[in-house]
Amino acid sequence: MRRKTDLMDQSLCEAVLDGNLDQVKWIIKHHDNVNAQNQYGFTPALIAAKQNNLDMLKFLVGNGADLNLSDGMGQTPMNWAEINNNQEMIDFIKDQGSNSSLKPK
């Protein structure tokens, strides 16, 4: 049987993937791991960046998401913003003081 925390981590990542901000807000209110990783090493912030969802990323950062964590491929949210050619997201991540010099593995 999976632990409750594991289920909440998975639910949070899935809600971000679905772009369901209301569900993400509810989960974060009841769960303190905003940097939870899914089975592929993606955190909610990484998922939001990969999905090109700046509003979601801003919400997650406002709730403590770490922009310097990388996924299983070594990509950071900054790398995904650059891949998506999203200048607004790139500027936001830089404004947060993220280590934008991180390079994928």
N, C-alpha and C. Protein backbone atom coordinates (compact mmCIF):
# COMPACT_ATOMS: atom_id res chain seq x y z
N MET A 1 0.84 -1.19 0.00
CA MET A 1 0.00 0.00 0.00
C MET A 1 0.88 1.25 0.00
N ARG A 2 0.55 2.18 -0.84
CA ARG A 2 1.34 3.41 -0.94
C ARG A 2 1.03 4.32 0.23
N ARG A 3 2.03 5.05 0.64
CA ARG A 3 1.84 6.00 1.72
C ARG A 3 0.98 7.17 1.24
N LYS A 4 0.30 7.81 2.18
CA LYS A 4 -0.54 8.97 1.86
C LYS A 4 0.29 10.06 1.20
N THR A 5 1.50 10.27 1.68
CA THR A 5 2.37 11.30 1.11
C THR A 5 2.66 11.00 -0.36
N ASP A 6 2.95 9.74 -0.68
CA ASP A 6 3.22 9.37 -2.06
C ASP A 6 2.02 9.68 -2.95
N LEU A 7 0.82 9.40 -2.46
CA LEU A 7 -0.39 9.67 -3.24
C LEU A 7 -0.60 11.17 -3.43
N MET A 8 -0.31 11.95 -2.39
CA MET A 8 -0.44 13.40 -2.50
C MET A 8 0.60 13.96 -3.47
N ASP A 9 1.83 13.43 -3.41
CA ASP A 9 2.87 13.85 -4.34
C ASP A 9 2.42 13.60 -5.77
N GLN A 10 1.93 12.39 -6.02
CA GLN A 10 1.47 12.01 -7.36
C GLN A 10 0.29 12.88 -7.79
N SER A 11 -0.65 13.10 -6.89
CA SER A 11 -1.82 13.92 -7.21
C SER A 11 -1.42 15.36 -7.55
N LEU A 12 -0.45 15.89 -6.81
CA LEU A 12 0.01 17.25 -7.08
C LEU A 12 0.64 17.33 -8.47
N CYS A 13 1.50 16.40 -8.78
CA CYS A 13 2.15 16.41 -10.10
C CYS A 13 1.12 16.25 -11.22
N GLU A 14 0.14 15.39 -11.02
CA GLU A 14 -0.90 15.18 -12.04
C GLU A 14 -1.76 16.43 -12.21
N ALA A 15 -2.09 17.10 -11.11
CA ALA A 15 -2.91 18.32 -11.19
C ALA A 15 -2.16 19.42 -11.95
N VAL A 16 -0.86 19.53 -11.73
CA VAL A 16 -0.05 20.51 -12.46
C VAL A 16 -0.02 20.14 -13.94
N LEU A 17 0.18 18.87 -14.23
CA LEU A 17 0.21 18.40 -15.61
C LEU A 17 -1.11 18.71 -16.32
N ASP A 18 -2.22 18.56 -15.60
CA ASP A 18 -3.54 18.85 -16.15
C ASP A 18 -3.83 20.35 -16.23
N GLY A 19 -2.98 21.16 -15.60
CA GLY A 19 -3.21 22.61 -15.59
C GLY A 19 -4.35 23.02 -14.69
N ASN A 20 -4.67 22.19 -13.69
CA ASN A 20 -5.80 22.43 -12.81
C ASN A 20 -5.33 23.22 -11.57
N LEU A 21 -5.30 24.53 -11.70
CA LEU A 21 -4.80 25.39 -10.63
C LEU A 21 -5.62 25.27 -9.35
N ASP A 22 -6.94 25.15 -9.46
CA ASP A 22 -7.77 25.01 -8.26
C ASP A 22 -7.40 23.75 -7.48
N GLN A 23 -7.20 22.66 -8.18
CA GLN A 23 -6.82 21.41 -7.52
C GLN A 23 -5.42 21.54 -6.92
N VAL A 24 -4.51 22.17 -7.63
CA VAL A 24 -3.16 22.38 -7.11
C VAL A 24 -3.22 23.20 -5.82
N LYS A 25 -4.02 24.25 -5.81
CA LYS A 25 -4.16 25.08 -4.60
C LYS A 25 -4.66 24.24 -3.43
N TRP A 26 -5.65 23.39 -3.67
CA TRP A 26 -6.21 22.55 -2.61
C TRP A 26 -5.15 21.58 -2.09
N ILE A 27 -4.44 20.94 -2.98
CA ILE A 27 -3.43 19.96 -2.57
C ILE A 27 -2.33 20.64 -1.76
N ILE A 28 -1.86 21.79 -2.22
CA ILE A 28 -0.79 22.49 -1.49
C ILE A 28 -1.28 22.94 -0.12
N LYS A 29 -2.53 23.32 -0.02
CA LYS A 29 -3.09 23.72 1.27
C LYS A 29 -3.06 22.56 2.27
N HIS A 30 -3.20 21.33 1.77
CA HIS A 30 -3.27 20.15 2.64
C HIS A 30 -2.01 19.30 2.62
N HIS A 31 -1.01 19.73 1.89
CA HIS A 31 0.21 18.93 1.71
C HIS A 31 1.39 19.88 1.60
N ASP A 32 2.46 19.59 2.31
CA ASP A 32 3.55 20.56 2.40
C ASP A 32 4.73 20.30 1.46
N ASN A 33 4.61 19.38 0.53
CA ASN A 33 5.75 19.06 -0.33
C ASN A 33 5.56 19.61 -1.74
N VAL A 34 5.77 20.90 -1.90
CA VAL A 34 5.60 21.54 -3.21
C VAL A 34 6.70 21.12 -4.18
N ASN A 35 7.75 20.49 -3.67
CA ASN A 35 8.85 20.01 -4.51
C ASN A 35 8.82 18.49 -4.69
N ALA A 36 7.65 17.91 -4.55
CA ALA A 36 7.50 16.46 -4.74
C ALA A 36 7.93 16.07 -6.15
N GLN A 37 8.50 14.88 -6.28
CA GLN A 37 8.91 14.40 -7.60
C GLN A 37 8.03 13.23 -8.02
N ASN A 38 7.71 13.19 -9.32
CA ASN A 38 6.99 12.03 -9.84
C ASN A 38 8.00 10.94 -10.19
N GLN A 39 7.52 9.87 -10.77
CA GLN A 39 8.39 8.73 -11.06
C GLN A 39 9.48 9.05 -12.08
N TYR A 40 9.36 10.15 -12.80
CA TYR A 40 10.35 10.55 -13.79
C TYR A 40 11.29 11.64 -13.28
N GLY A 41 11.13 11.99 -12.02
CA GLY A 41 11.99 13.01 -11.42
C GLY A 41 11.51 14.44 -11.62
N PHE A 42 10.30 14.60 -12.16
CA PHE A 42 9.75 15.94 -12.38
C PHE A 42 9.08 16.45 -11.11
N THR A 43 9.40 17.68 -10.75
CA THR A 43 8.70 18.38 -9.67
C THR A 43 7.53 19.14 -10.30
N PRO A 44 6.59 19.63 -9.50
CA PRO A 44 5.51 20.44 -10.06
C PRO A 44 6.04 21.65 -10.85
N ALA A 45 7.09 22.31 -10.37
CA ALA A 45 7.64 23.46 -11.09
C ALA A 45 8.21 23.05 -12.44
N LEU A 46 8.87 21.91 -12.48
CA LEU A 46 9.41 21.41 -13.75
C LEU A 46 8.29 21.10 -14.73
N ILE A 47 7.22 20.50 -14.22
CA ILE A 47 6.08 20.17 -15.07
C ILE A 47 5.46 21.44 -15.62
N ALA A 48 5.25 22.43 -14.75
CA ALA A 48 4.66 23.70 -15.19
C ALA A 48 5.53 24.36 -16.26
N ALA A 49 6.84 24.35 -16.07
CA ALA A 49 7.74 24.96 -17.05
C ALA A 49 7.70 24.18 -18.36
N LYS A 50 7.74 22.86 -18.28
CA LYS A 50 7.70 22.04 -19.49
C LYS A 50 6.39 22.25 -20.24
N GLN A 51 5.29 22.41 -19.50
CA GLN A 51 3.97 22.62 -20.10
C GLN A 51 3.78 24.07 -20.55
N ASN A 52 4.78 24.91 -20.29
CA ASN A 52 4.73 26.31 -20.71
C ASN A 52 3.62 27.08 -19.98
N ASN A 53 3.40 26.73 -18.71
CA ASN A 53 2.31 27.30 -17.92
C ASN A 53 2.89 28.27 -16.88
N LEU A 54 3.05 29.52 -17.29
CA LEU A 54 3.67 30.52 -16.43
C LEU A 54 2.83 30.83 -15.20
N ASP A 55 1.51 30.91 -15.34
CA ASP A 55 0.67 31.19 -14.17
C ASP A 55 0.83 30.11 -13.11
N MET A 56 0.88 28.86 -13.53
CA MET A 56 1.06 27.75 -12.60
C MET A 56 2.44 27.85 -11.95
N LEU A 57 3.45 28.14 -12.75
CA LEU A 57 4.81 28.24 -12.22
C LEU A 57 4.89 29.36 -11.18
N LYS A 58 4.28 30.50 -11.47
CA LYS A 58 4.29 31.61 -10.51
C LYS A 58 3.62 31.21 -9.20
N PHE A 59 2.50 30.51 -9.29
CA PHE A 59 1.82 30.07 -8.07
C PHE A 59 2.71 29.12 -7.27
N LEU A 60 3.32 28.17 -7.95
CA LEU A 60 4.18 27.20 -7.26
C LEU A 60 5.37 27.88 -6.60
N VAL A 61 6.00 28.81 -7.29
CA VAL A 61 7.14 29.53 -6.72
C VAL A 61 6.68 30.34 -5.51
N GLY A 62 5.51 30.94 -5.60
CA GLY A 62 4.96 31.68 -4.48
C GLY A 62 4.69 30.82 -3.26
N ASN A 63 4.65 29.51 -3.48
CA ASN A 63 4.42 28.56 -2.40
C ASN A 63 5.66 27.72 -2.09
N GLY A 64 6.81 28.21 -2.51
CA GLY A 64 8.06 27.59 -2.11
C GLY A 64 8.72 26.64 -3.08
N ALA A 65 8.25 26.57 -4.32
CA ALA A 65 8.87 25.67 -5.29
C ALA A 65 10.31 26.08 -5.57
N ASP A 66 11.18 25.10 -5.66
CA ASP A 66 12.61 25.32 -5.92
C ASP A 66 12.86 25.27 -7.43
N LEU A 67 13.30 26.37 -7.99
CA LEU A 67 13.54 26.45 -9.44
C LEU A 67 14.90 25.89 -9.85
N ASN A 68 15.70 25.45 -8.90
CA ASN A 68 17.01 24.91 -9.22
C ASN A 68 17.04 23.39 -9.27
N LEU A 69 15.92 22.74 -8.98
CA LEU A 69 15.87 21.28 -9.06
C LEU A 69 15.79 20.86 -10.52
N SER A 70 16.37 19.71 -10.83
CA SER A 70 16.34 19.22 -12.21
C SER A 70 15.57 17.91 -12.29
N ASP A 71 15.11 17.60 -13.49
CA ASP A 71 14.37 16.36 -13.72
C ASP A 71 15.34 15.21 -13.98
N GLY A 72 14.82 14.05 -14.31
CA GLY A 72 15.64 12.88 -14.56
C GLY A 72 16.58 13.02 -15.74
N MET A 73 16.34 14.00 -16.59
CA MET A 73 17.20 14.26 -17.75
C MET A 73 18.18 15.41 -17.48
N GLY A 74 18.11 15.97 -16.27
CA GLY A 74 18.99 17.07 -15.92
C GLY A 74 18.48 18.45 -16.31
N GLN A 75 17.25 18.53 -16.81
CA GLN A 75 16.67 19.82 -17.21
C GLN A 75 16.12 20.55 -15.99
N THR A 76 16.31 21.86 -15.96
CA THR A 76 15.74 22.71 -14.92
C THR A 76 14.54 23.46 -15.52
N PRO A 77 13.75 24.14 -14.68
CA PRO A 77 12.69 24.97 -15.25
C PRO A 77 13.22 25.99 -16.26
N MET A 78 14.40 26.54 -16.00
CA MET A 78 14.99 27.49 -16.95
C MET A 78 15.25 26.81 -18.30
N ASN A 79 15.78 25.59 -18.27
CA ASN A 79 16.02 24.87 -19.52
C ASN A 79 14.72 24.69 -20.29
N TRP A 80 13.64 24.32 -19.59
CA TRP A 80 12.35 24.13 -20.27
C TRP A 80 11.81 25.44 -20.82
N ALA A 81 11.99 26.53 -20.07
CA ALA A 81 11.55 27.84 -20.57
C ALA A 81 12.31 28.20 -21.85
N GLU A 82 13.60 27.88 -21.87
CA GLU A 82 14.40 28.16 -23.07
C GLU A 82 13.98 27.25 -24.23
N ILE A 83 13.75 25.98 -23.95
CA ILE A 83 13.29 25.04 -24.98
C ILE A 83 11.98 25.53 -25.59
N ASN A 84 11.08 26.03 -24.73
CA ASN A 84 9.78 26.53 -25.18
C ASN A 84 9.86 27.94 -25.76
N ASN A 85 11.04 28.53 -25.71
CA ASN A 85 11.24 29.89 -26.22
C ASN A 85 10.25 30.87 -25.59
N ASN A 86 10.08 30.74 -24.26
CA ASN A 86 9.13 31.57 -23.52
C ASN A 86 9.91 32.65 -22.76
N GLN A 87 10.09 33.79 -23.39
CA GLN A 87 10.90 34.86 -22.80
C GLN A 87 10.31 35.36 -21.49
N GLU A 88 9.00 35.43 -21.40
CA GLU A 88 8.37 35.89 -20.16
C GLU A 88 8.69 34.94 -19.01
N MET A 89 8.67 33.64 -19.27
CA MET A 89 9.01 32.66 -18.24
C MET A 89 10.50 32.74 -17.90
N ILE A 90 11.33 32.90 -18.90
CA ILE A 90 12.78 33.05 -18.66
C ILE A 90 13.04 34.24 -17.75
N ASP A 91 12.41 35.37 -18.05
CA ASP A 91 12.59 36.57 -17.24
C ASP A 91 12.10 36.35 -15.82
N PHE A 92 10.96 35.68 -15.67
CA PHE A 92 10.41 35.40 -14.34
C PHE A 92 11.39 34.54 -13.54
N ILE A 93 11.90 33.49 -14.15
CA ILE A 93 12.83 32.60 -13.45
C ILE A 93 14.10 33.35 -13.05
N LYS A 94 14.61 34.17 -13.93
CA LYS A 94 15.80 34.99 -13.60
C LYS A 94 15.49 35.93 -12.45
N ASP A 95 14.31 36.54 -12.47
CA ASP A 95 13.92 37.47 -11.41
C ASP A 95 13.83 36.78 -10.05
N GLN A 96 13.61 35.49 -10.05
CA GLN A 96 13.51 34.73 -8.80
C GLN A 96 14.88 34.37 -8.24
N GLY A 97 15.92 34.69 -8.99
CA GLY A 97 17.27 34.40 -8.53
C GLY A 97 17.70 32.97 -8.78
N SER A 98 17.01 32.31 -9.69
CA SER A 98 17.37 30.94 -10.02
C SER A 98 18.76 30.88 -10.63
N ASN A 99 19.43 29.78 -10.41
CA ASN A 99 20.75 29.57 -10.99
C ASN A 99 20.57 29.22 -12.46
N SER A 100 20.46 30.24 -13.29
CA SER A 100 20.18 30.01 -14.71
C SER A 100 21.36 29.42 -15.46
N SER A 101 22.50 29.30 -14.79
CA SER A 101 23.66 28.72 -15.47
C SER A 101 23.65 27.20 -15.43
N LEU A 102 22.68 26.61 -14.71
CA LEU A 102 22.60 25.16 -14.68
C LEU A 102 22.38 24.63 -16.09
N LYS A 103 23.10 23.63 -16.46
CA LYS A 103 22.97 23.02 -17.78
C LYS A 103 22.49 21.58 -17.62
N PRO A 104 21.74 21.08 -18.59
CA PRO A 104 21.29 19.70 -18.48
C PRO A 104 22.46 18.74 -18.51
N LYS A 105 22.25 17.57 -17.91
CA LYS A 105 23.29 16.52 -17.88
C LYS A 105 23.54 15.99 -19.27
